[in-house]
N, C-alpha and C. Protein backbone atom coordinates (compact mmCIF):
# COMPACT_ATOMS: atom_id res chain seq x y z
N MET A 1 0.85 -1.18 0.00
CA MET A 1 0.00 0.00 0.00
C MET A 1 0.89 1.24 0.00
N THR A 2 0.54 2.20 -0.82
CA THR A 2 1.33 3.41 -0.92
C THR A 2 0.96 4.39 0.20
N ALA A 3 1.80 5.39 0.41
CA ALA A 3 1.52 6.41 1.42
C ALA A 3 0.21 7.13 1.09
N ALA A 4 -0.05 7.35 -0.20
CA ALA A 4 -1.29 8.02 -0.59
C ALA A 4 -2.50 7.17 -0.23
N GLU A 5 -2.41 5.86 -0.44
CA GLU A 5 -3.52 4.97 -0.07
C GLU A 5 -3.72 4.96 1.44
N ARG A 6 -2.61 4.93 2.20
CA ARG A 6 -2.71 4.96 3.66
C ARG A 6 -3.33 6.27 4.12
N ALA A 7 -2.99 7.36 3.44
CA ALA A 7 -3.51 8.67 3.83
C ALA A 7 -5.03 8.73 3.71
N GLY A 8 -5.63 7.89 2.86
CA GLY A 8 -7.07 7.86 2.69
C GLY A 8 -7.81 7.08 3.76
N LYS A 9 -7.09 6.42 4.65
CA LYS A 9 -7.73 5.63 5.70
C LYS A 9 -8.38 6.56 6.73
N ALA A 10 -9.42 6.06 7.38
CA ALA A 10 -10.24 6.88 8.26
C ALA A 10 -9.52 7.35 9.53
N LYS A 11 -8.62 6.58 10.05
CA LYS A 11 -7.94 6.98 11.29
C LYS A 11 -6.45 7.04 11.07
N THR A 12 -5.81 7.84 11.90
CA THR A 12 -4.36 7.98 11.87
C THR A 12 -3.79 7.49 13.18
N VAL A 13 -2.70 6.75 13.10
CA VAL A 13 -1.98 6.32 14.29
C VAL A 13 -0.53 6.76 14.14
N VAL A 14 -0.06 7.53 15.11
CA VAL A 14 1.33 7.94 15.12
C VAL A 14 2.09 6.97 16.00
N VAL A 15 3.10 6.33 15.43
CA VAL A 15 3.97 5.43 16.17
C VAL A 15 5.20 6.24 16.59
N VAL A 16 5.35 6.44 17.90
CA VAL A 16 6.51 7.15 18.42
C VAL A 16 7.60 6.10 18.59
N MET A 17 8.64 6.22 17.76
CA MET A 17 9.65 5.18 17.67
C MET A 17 11.02 5.70 18.08
N GLY A 18 11.91 4.75 18.37
CA GLY A 18 13.29 5.08 18.71
C GLY A 18 13.84 4.06 19.68
N VAL A 19 15.10 4.23 20.00
CA VAL A 19 15.75 3.30 20.92
C VAL A 19 15.19 3.48 22.33
N ALA A 20 15.44 2.50 23.18
CA ALA A 20 15.03 2.58 24.58
C ALA A 20 15.66 3.82 25.20
N GLY A 21 14.89 4.54 25.99
CA GLY A 21 15.41 5.72 26.67
C GLY A 21 15.35 6.99 25.86
N SER A 22 14.78 6.95 24.66
CA SER A 22 14.72 8.15 23.82
C SER A 22 13.56 9.06 24.18
N GLY A 23 12.67 8.61 25.06
CA GLY A 23 11.56 9.44 25.50
C GLY A 23 10.23 9.10 24.85
N LYS A 24 10.11 7.89 24.31
CA LYS A 24 8.89 7.51 23.59
C LYS A 24 7.64 7.67 24.45
N THR A 25 7.69 7.15 25.66
CA THR A 25 6.50 7.20 26.52
C THR A 25 6.12 8.63 26.85
N THR A 26 7.08 9.44 27.25
CA THR A 26 6.81 10.83 27.60
C THR A 26 6.24 11.59 26.41
N VAL A 27 6.88 11.47 25.26
CA VAL A 27 6.43 12.20 24.08
C VAL A 27 5.06 11.68 23.63
N ALA A 28 4.84 10.38 23.66
CA ALA A 28 3.55 9.83 23.27
C ALA A 28 2.43 10.37 24.17
N GLN A 29 2.67 10.40 25.46
CA GLN A 29 1.66 10.92 26.38
C GLN A 29 1.38 12.40 26.12
N GLU A 30 2.45 13.17 25.90
CA GLU A 30 2.30 14.60 25.60
C GLU A 30 1.57 14.81 24.27
N LEU A 31 1.94 14.02 23.28
CA LEU A 31 1.33 14.14 21.95
C LEU A 31 -0.15 13.76 22.02
N GLY A 32 -0.45 12.66 22.70
CA GLY A 32 -1.84 12.25 22.85
C GLY A 32 -2.68 13.30 23.55
N ALA A 33 -2.13 13.89 24.62
CA ALA A 33 -2.85 14.93 25.36
C ALA A 33 -3.05 16.17 24.49
N ALA A 34 -2.03 16.55 23.73
CA ALA A 34 -2.11 17.74 22.89
C ALA A 34 -3.14 17.58 21.78
N LEU A 35 -3.28 16.36 21.27
CA LEU A 35 -4.19 16.11 20.14
C LEU A 35 -5.56 15.60 20.58
N GLY A 36 -5.68 15.18 21.84
CA GLY A 36 -6.91 14.56 22.29
C GLY A 36 -7.08 13.15 21.76
N TRP A 37 -5.94 12.47 21.51
CA TRP A 37 -5.94 11.11 20.99
C TRP A 37 -5.60 10.12 22.09
N ARG A 38 -6.10 8.90 21.98
CA ARG A 38 -5.75 7.85 22.94
C ARG A 38 -4.30 7.46 22.74
N VAL A 39 -3.71 6.91 23.81
CA VAL A 39 -2.29 6.54 23.80
C VAL A 39 -2.14 5.11 24.30
N ALA A 40 -1.28 4.35 23.63
CA ALA A 40 -0.96 3.00 24.08
C ALA A 40 0.55 2.86 24.19
N GLU A 41 0.98 2.08 25.14
CA GLU A 41 2.39 1.80 25.40
C GLU A 41 2.70 0.41 24.87
N ALA A 42 3.55 0.34 23.85
CA ALA A 42 3.84 -0.95 23.22
C ALA A 42 4.49 -1.95 24.17
N ASP A 43 5.18 -1.46 25.20
CA ASP A 43 5.75 -2.38 26.19
C ASP A 43 4.67 -3.27 26.80
N ASP A 44 3.43 -2.74 26.88
CA ASP A 44 2.33 -3.52 27.45
C ASP A 44 1.91 -4.69 26.56
N PHE A 45 2.34 -4.69 25.31
CA PHE A 45 1.99 -5.76 24.38
C PHE A 45 3.03 -6.89 24.36
N HIS A 46 4.16 -6.69 25.05
CA HIS A 46 5.19 -7.74 25.09
C HIS A 46 4.70 -8.93 25.91
N SER A 47 5.11 -10.10 25.51
CA SER A 47 4.82 -11.31 26.28
C SER A 47 5.68 -11.30 27.54
N PRO A 48 5.25 -12.02 28.58
CA PRO A 48 6.08 -12.12 29.78
C PRO A 48 7.48 -12.67 29.46
N ALA A 49 7.56 -13.57 28.49
CA ALA A 49 8.86 -14.14 28.11
C ALA A 49 9.78 -13.06 27.52
N ASN A 50 9.22 -12.17 26.68
CA ASN A 50 10.03 -11.08 26.12
C ASN A 50 10.52 -10.15 27.22
N VAL A 51 9.63 -9.80 28.14
CA VAL A 51 10.00 -8.90 29.23
C VAL A 51 11.11 -9.53 30.07
N ALA A 52 10.98 -10.82 30.39
CA ALA A 52 12.00 -11.51 31.18
C ALA A 52 13.33 -11.55 30.44
N LYS A 53 13.27 -11.78 29.16
CA LYS A 53 14.48 -11.84 28.35
C LYS A 53 15.22 -10.49 28.38
N MET A 54 14.48 -9.40 28.15
CA MET A 54 15.10 -8.08 28.16
C MET A 54 15.60 -7.71 29.55
N ALA A 55 14.83 -8.04 30.58
CA ALA A 55 15.24 -7.74 31.95
C ALA A 55 16.53 -8.46 32.31
N ALA A 56 16.75 -9.60 31.67
CA ALA A 56 17.98 -10.37 31.91
C ALA A 56 19.14 -9.86 31.05
N GLY A 57 18.88 -8.81 30.25
CA GLY A 57 19.93 -8.23 29.43
C GLY A 57 20.14 -8.92 28.10
N VAL A 58 19.16 -9.72 27.67
CA VAL A 58 19.26 -10.46 26.41
C VAL A 58 18.44 -9.73 25.35
N PRO A 59 19.08 -9.31 24.25
CA PRO A 59 18.32 -8.63 23.20
C PRO A 59 17.29 -9.55 22.57
N LEU A 60 16.17 -8.97 22.16
CA LEU A 60 15.15 -9.75 21.45
C LEU A 60 15.61 -10.04 20.03
N THR A 61 15.14 -11.16 19.52
CA THR A 61 15.38 -11.53 18.12
C THR A 61 14.16 -11.11 17.29
N ASP A 62 14.31 -11.19 15.98
CA ASP A 62 13.16 -10.93 15.12
C ASP A 62 12.01 -11.87 15.47
N GLU A 63 12.33 -13.13 15.74
CA GLU A 63 11.29 -14.11 16.07
C GLU A 63 10.55 -13.72 17.35
N ASP A 64 11.26 -13.09 18.30
CA ASP A 64 10.60 -12.61 19.52
C ASP A 64 9.67 -11.44 19.22
N ARG A 65 10.03 -10.64 18.24
CA ARG A 65 9.30 -9.39 17.98
C ARG A 65 8.05 -9.57 17.13
N TRP A 66 8.00 -10.59 16.25
CA TRP A 66 6.86 -10.71 15.35
C TRP A 66 5.52 -10.81 16.08
N PRO A 67 5.37 -11.67 17.10
CA PRO A 67 4.07 -11.72 17.80
C PRO A 67 3.74 -10.39 18.50
N TRP A 68 4.77 -9.73 19.01
CA TRP A 68 4.57 -8.42 19.66
C TRP A 68 4.05 -7.40 18.65
N LEU A 69 4.68 -7.34 17.48
CA LEU A 69 4.22 -6.41 16.45
C LEU A 69 2.81 -6.75 15.99
N ALA A 70 2.50 -8.04 15.89
CA ALA A 70 1.14 -8.46 15.51
C ALA A 70 0.13 -7.99 16.55
N SER A 71 0.50 -8.03 17.81
CA SER A 71 -0.40 -7.55 18.87
C SER A 71 -0.66 -6.05 18.75
N ILE A 72 0.36 -5.30 18.37
CA ILE A 72 0.19 -3.85 18.18
C ILE A 72 -0.73 -3.59 16.99
N VAL A 73 -0.52 -4.31 15.89
CA VAL A 73 -1.39 -4.17 14.72
C VAL A 73 -2.83 -4.54 15.10
N ASP A 74 -3.02 -5.61 15.85
CA ASP A 74 -4.36 -6.00 16.29
C ASP A 74 -5.01 -4.89 17.10
N TRP A 75 -4.23 -4.25 17.98
CA TRP A 75 -4.78 -3.15 18.78
C TRP A 75 -5.18 -2.00 17.86
N ILE A 76 -4.31 -1.62 16.93
CA ILE A 76 -4.64 -0.54 16.00
C ILE A 76 -5.93 -0.87 15.25
N ASN A 77 -6.05 -2.11 14.81
CA ASN A 77 -7.25 -2.52 14.07
C ASN A 77 -8.50 -2.51 14.94
N SER A 78 -8.33 -2.64 16.24
CA SER A 78 -9.48 -2.73 17.15
C SER A 78 -10.05 -1.37 17.57
N ILE A 79 -9.30 -0.31 17.31
CA ILE A 79 -9.77 1.01 17.75
C ILE A 79 -10.44 1.74 16.59
N ASP A 80 -11.29 2.70 16.94
CA ASP A 80 -12.03 3.44 15.92
C ASP A 80 -11.49 4.84 15.68
N ASP A 81 -10.69 5.34 16.59
CA ASP A 81 -10.26 6.73 16.51
C ASP A 81 -8.75 6.84 16.32
N ASN A 82 -8.31 8.07 16.11
CA ASN A 82 -6.89 8.35 16.01
C ASN A 82 -6.19 8.00 17.31
N ALA A 83 -4.91 7.65 17.21
CA ALA A 83 -4.19 7.24 18.42
C ALA A 83 -2.70 7.46 18.24
N VAL A 84 -2.02 7.35 19.38
CA VAL A 84 -0.56 7.39 19.44
C VAL A 84 -0.14 6.12 20.15
N VAL A 85 0.89 5.45 19.62
CA VAL A 85 1.40 4.26 20.27
C VAL A 85 2.93 4.31 20.25
N THR A 86 3.53 3.92 21.34
CA THR A 86 4.98 3.81 21.37
C THR A 86 5.37 2.46 20.80
N CYS A 87 6.50 2.43 20.13
CA CYS A 87 7.04 1.17 19.63
C CYS A 87 8.44 1.48 19.14
N SER A 88 9.41 0.70 19.56
CA SER A 88 10.78 0.97 19.12
C SER A 88 10.88 0.98 17.60
N ALA A 89 10.20 0.04 16.92
CA ALA A 89 10.15 0.00 15.45
C ALA A 89 11.53 0.27 14.85
N LEU A 90 12.53 -0.43 15.37
CA LEU A 90 13.92 -0.13 15.02
C LEU A 90 14.28 -0.48 13.58
N LYS A 91 13.63 -1.47 13.00
CA LYS A 91 13.97 -1.90 11.64
C LYS A 91 12.84 -1.58 10.66
N ARG A 92 13.23 -1.38 9.44
CA ARG A 92 12.24 -1.11 8.38
C ARG A 92 11.24 -2.26 8.29
N ILE A 93 11.69 -3.51 8.42
CA ILE A 93 10.75 -4.63 8.30
C ILE A 93 9.71 -4.62 9.41
N TYR A 94 10.07 -4.09 10.59
CA TYR A 94 9.08 -3.97 11.68
C TYR A 94 8.07 -2.89 11.33
N ARG A 95 8.57 -1.78 10.80
CA ARG A 95 7.67 -0.69 10.42
C ARG A 95 6.75 -1.12 9.28
N ASP A 96 7.30 -1.91 8.35
CA ASP A 96 6.48 -2.42 7.26
C ASP A 96 5.34 -3.28 7.79
N ARG A 97 5.58 -4.01 8.86
CA ARG A 97 4.51 -4.82 9.47
C ARG A 97 3.45 -3.91 10.09
N LEU A 98 3.88 -2.85 10.76
CA LEU A 98 2.93 -1.95 11.42
C LEU A 98 2.02 -1.22 10.43
N VAL A 99 2.55 -0.87 9.26
CA VAL A 99 1.73 -0.14 8.29
C VAL A 99 0.69 -1.03 7.62
N GLN A 100 0.69 -2.31 7.92
CA GLN A 100 -0.35 -3.20 7.41
C GLN A 100 -1.66 -3.04 8.19
N ALA A 101 -1.63 -2.26 9.27
CA ALA A 101 -2.83 -2.03 10.07
C ALA A 101 -3.85 -1.22 9.26
N ALA A 102 -5.09 -1.30 9.71
CA ALA A 102 -6.19 -0.58 9.06
C ALA A 102 -6.21 0.86 9.55
N ALA A 103 -5.16 1.61 9.22
CA ALA A 103 -5.02 3.00 9.62
C ALA A 103 -3.92 3.63 8.79
N ARG A 104 -3.90 4.95 8.79
CA ARG A 104 -2.72 5.64 8.27
C ARG A 104 -1.72 5.63 9.42
N VAL A 105 -0.68 4.86 9.26
CA VAL A 105 0.35 4.74 10.30
C VAL A 105 1.50 5.67 9.92
N ARG A 106 1.79 6.61 10.82
CA ARG A 106 2.88 7.56 10.62
C ARG A 106 3.90 7.34 11.73
N PHE A 107 5.15 7.58 11.42
CA PHE A 107 6.22 7.35 12.38
C PHE A 107 6.84 8.67 12.83
N LEU A 108 7.06 8.76 14.12
CA LEU A 108 7.77 9.88 14.72
C LEU A 108 9.01 9.30 15.38
N HIS A 109 10.16 9.45 14.73
CA HIS A 109 11.41 8.90 15.24
C HIS A 109 12.06 9.91 16.17
N LEU A 110 12.19 9.52 17.43
CA LEU A 110 12.88 10.36 18.41
C LEU A 110 14.36 10.04 18.32
N SER A 111 15.11 10.99 17.84
CA SER A 111 16.51 10.79 17.51
C SER A 111 17.43 11.50 18.51
N GLY A 112 18.37 10.75 19.04
CA GLY A 112 19.33 11.34 19.97
C GLY A 112 20.63 10.56 19.96
N SER A 113 21.66 11.15 20.52
CA SER A 113 22.97 10.50 20.56
C SER A 113 22.98 9.37 21.58
N HIS A 114 23.91 8.47 21.41
CA HIS A 114 24.10 7.36 22.35
C HIS A 114 24.33 7.91 23.76
N ASP A 115 25.15 8.95 23.87
CA ASP A 115 25.46 9.53 25.18
C ASP A 115 24.21 10.12 25.84
N THR A 116 23.44 10.89 25.09
CA THR A 116 22.23 11.51 25.65
C THR A 116 21.25 10.44 26.12
N VAL A 117 21.02 9.45 25.29
CA VAL A 117 20.07 8.39 25.64
C VAL A 117 20.60 7.58 26.83
N GLY A 118 21.89 7.31 26.85
CA GLY A 118 22.48 6.56 27.96
C GLY A 118 22.29 7.26 29.30
N VAL A 119 22.47 8.57 29.32
CA VAL A 119 22.25 9.34 30.55
C VAL A 119 20.79 9.24 30.98
N ARG A 120 19.88 9.35 30.03
CA ARG A 120 18.45 9.25 30.35
C ARG A 120 18.10 7.86 30.89
N MET A 121 18.63 6.83 30.25
CA MET A 121 18.33 5.47 30.71
C MET A 121 18.86 5.24 32.12
N ALA A 122 20.05 5.73 32.40
CA ALA A 122 20.65 5.53 33.72
C ALA A 122 19.85 6.24 34.80
N ALA A 123 19.17 7.33 34.44
CA ALA A 123 18.42 8.12 35.42
C ALA A 123 17.03 7.58 35.71
N ARG A 124 16.50 6.71 34.84
CA ARG A 124 15.13 6.24 35.05
C ARG A 124 15.13 5.00 35.94
N SER A 125 14.00 4.81 36.60
CA SER A 125 13.87 3.64 37.47
C SER A 125 12.57 2.93 37.15
N GLY A 126 12.52 1.66 37.51
CA GLY A 126 11.30 0.90 37.36
C GLY A 126 11.02 0.40 35.96
N HIS A 127 12.01 0.41 35.08
CA HIS A 127 11.80 -0.10 33.73
C HIS A 127 12.60 -1.37 33.55
N PHE A 128 12.03 -2.32 32.81
CA PHE A 128 12.68 -3.63 32.66
C PHE A 128 13.89 -3.61 31.73
N MET A 129 14.02 -2.58 30.90
CA MET A 129 15.10 -2.53 29.90
C MET A 129 16.38 -1.98 30.53
N PRO A 130 17.42 -2.83 30.65
CA PRO A 130 18.67 -2.34 31.26
C PRO A 130 19.50 -1.52 30.27
N THR A 131 20.33 -0.64 30.80
CA THR A 131 21.18 0.18 29.95
C THR A 131 22.16 -0.67 29.14
N SER A 132 22.41 -1.88 29.59
CA SER A 132 23.33 -2.76 28.87
C SER A 132 22.84 -3.12 27.47
N LEU A 133 21.55 -2.95 27.20
CA LEU A 133 21.01 -3.27 25.87
C LEU A 133 21.03 -2.07 24.92
N LEU A 134 21.50 -0.93 25.39
CA LEU A 134 21.50 0.26 24.54
C LEU A 134 22.35 0.08 23.29
N ASP A 135 23.52 -0.53 23.44
CA ASP A 135 24.38 -0.75 22.26
C ASP A 135 23.66 -1.57 21.20
N SER A 136 22.95 -2.63 21.62
CA SER A 136 22.25 -3.46 20.64
C SER A 136 21.10 -2.70 19.99
N GLN A 137 20.47 -1.80 20.75
CA GLN A 137 19.39 -0.99 20.18
C GLN A 137 19.92 -0.08 19.07
N PHE A 138 21.03 0.61 19.34
CA PHE A 138 21.61 1.49 18.32
C PHE A 138 22.13 0.69 17.13
N ALA A 139 22.67 -0.51 17.38
CA ALA A 139 23.17 -1.34 16.29
C ALA A 139 22.03 -1.82 15.39
N THR A 140 20.87 -2.02 15.97
CA THR A 140 19.70 -2.52 15.22
C THR A 140 18.97 -1.39 14.49
N LEU A 141 19.04 -0.18 15.01
CA LEU A 141 18.26 0.94 14.48
C LEU A 141 18.55 1.22 13.01
N GLU A 142 17.48 1.23 12.22
CA GLU A 142 17.52 1.65 10.83
C GLU A 142 16.67 2.92 10.74
N PRO A 143 17.30 4.07 10.49
CA PRO A 143 16.53 5.32 10.41
C PRO A 143 15.45 5.24 9.35
N LEU A 144 14.45 6.10 9.47
CA LEU A 144 13.40 6.17 8.47
C LEU A 144 14.02 6.35 7.08
N GLN A 145 13.39 5.73 6.10
CA GLN A 145 13.89 5.74 4.74
C GLN A 145 12.89 6.42 3.81
N PRO A 146 13.36 6.88 2.65
CA PRO A 146 12.43 7.47 1.69
C PRO A 146 11.26 6.51 1.42
N GLY A 147 10.07 7.07 1.34
CA GLY A 147 8.88 6.25 1.11
C GLY A 147 8.15 5.89 2.38
N GLU A 148 8.81 6.05 3.54
CA GLU A 148 8.13 5.79 4.81
C GLU A 148 7.41 7.07 5.24
N ASP A 149 6.23 6.91 5.78
CA ASP A 149 5.42 8.04 6.22
C ASP A 149 5.86 8.41 7.63
N GLY A 150 6.87 9.25 7.73
CA GLY A 150 7.36 9.61 9.05
C GLY A 150 8.36 10.74 9.03
N VAL A 151 8.69 11.17 10.24
CA VAL A 151 9.63 12.27 10.44
C VAL A 151 10.52 11.92 11.63
N ALA A 152 11.69 12.54 11.65
CA ALA A 152 12.59 12.38 12.79
C ALA A 152 12.72 13.73 13.48
N VAL A 153 12.72 13.71 14.82
CA VAL A 153 12.93 14.94 15.58
C VAL A 153 13.97 14.66 16.67
N SER A 154 14.71 15.69 16.99
CA SER A 154 15.73 15.60 18.03
C SER A 154 15.09 15.52 19.40
N ILE A 155 15.71 14.74 20.29
CA ILE A 155 15.22 14.64 21.67
C ILE A 155 15.87 15.69 22.58
N GLU A 156 16.72 16.53 22.03
CA GLU A 156 17.36 17.56 22.84
C GLU A 156 16.33 18.58 23.31
N GLY A 157 16.48 19.04 24.54
CA GLY A 157 15.58 20.05 25.08
C GLY A 157 14.53 19.44 25.98
N SER A 158 13.59 20.27 26.39
CA SER A 158 12.53 19.85 27.30
C SER A 158 11.49 19.02 26.56
N PRO A 159 10.67 18.27 27.31
CA PRO A 159 9.57 17.54 26.65
C PRO A 159 8.65 18.46 25.85
N GLU A 160 8.44 19.68 26.35
CA GLU A 160 7.59 20.63 25.64
C GLU A 160 8.22 21.03 24.30
N GLN A 161 9.53 21.21 24.28
CA GLN A 161 10.22 21.56 23.03
C GLN A 161 10.16 20.41 22.04
N VAL A 162 10.35 19.19 22.53
CA VAL A 162 10.28 18.02 21.65
C VAL A 162 8.86 17.88 21.10
N LEU A 163 7.85 18.09 21.95
CA LEU A 163 6.46 18.03 21.50
C LEU A 163 6.21 19.05 20.40
N ARG A 164 6.66 20.27 20.59
CA ARG A 164 6.44 21.32 19.59
C ARG A 164 7.08 20.93 18.25
N ARG A 165 8.31 20.43 18.32
CA ARG A 165 8.99 19.98 17.09
C ARG A 165 8.22 18.84 16.44
N ALA A 166 7.71 17.93 17.25
CA ALA A 166 6.97 16.77 16.73
C ALA A 166 5.69 17.23 16.03
N LEU A 167 4.92 18.08 16.68
CA LEU A 167 3.68 18.57 16.08
C LEU A 167 3.97 19.29 14.77
N ASP A 168 4.98 20.15 14.78
CA ASP A 168 5.34 20.88 13.56
C ASP A 168 5.77 19.93 12.45
N ALA A 169 6.63 18.97 12.78
CA ALA A 169 7.15 18.04 11.76
C ALA A 169 6.05 17.16 11.19
N LEU A 170 5.10 16.77 12.03
CA LEU A 170 3.98 15.93 11.58
C LEU A 170 2.87 16.74 10.91
N GLY A 171 2.93 18.07 11.04
CA GLY A 171 1.88 18.92 10.48
C GLY A 171 0.57 18.78 11.22
N LEU A 172 0.64 18.54 12.54
CA LEU A 172 -0.55 18.36 13.35
C LEU A 172 -0.73 19.57 14.26
N GLU A 173 -1.97 19.89 14.57
CA GLU A 173 -2.29 21.05 15.40
C GLU A 173 -2.78 20.61 16.76
N GLN A 174 -2.27 21.28 17.78
CA GLN A 174 -2.70 21.01 19.15
C GLN A 174 -4.15 21.43 19.31
N LYS A 175 -4.93 20.62 20.05
CA LYS A 175 -6.35 20.96 20.30
C LYS A 175 -6.45 22.09 21.28
């Protein structure tokens, strides 16, 4: 399906993507609040086995990720309205799976340096993803490519500044 065909779909879902610690959850919540859209956290779609694997410092494989991505697509298909969902969506093939949903799926890539993200990860608590997996996240990351419906924004600055850049880049207006 082309971007033009996706644009004709009744609902839009923005996938806030990037490596662990890039601020996906914060930006997704801010974006959802600004737009009046529902928000979902893709971490909630992981199987207990995936969560245990990551908590143990073991990177997920493609085989681990396919059922997770299918669950996100199922959720997108189950909703009637516009939404925002977090998802690392590190590889083009993962993003290609997400755009198969019955929605216009757009990507917002939160882009930051390894050092910036590492500092953020070290400062957060209560998350199953250890900082030891950051290297594998950056190694796996494939930036958005021509033909993908998405934009990249810097994570530098306050959450409000990142939100403003995101809204501007996506061409969306705050409610």
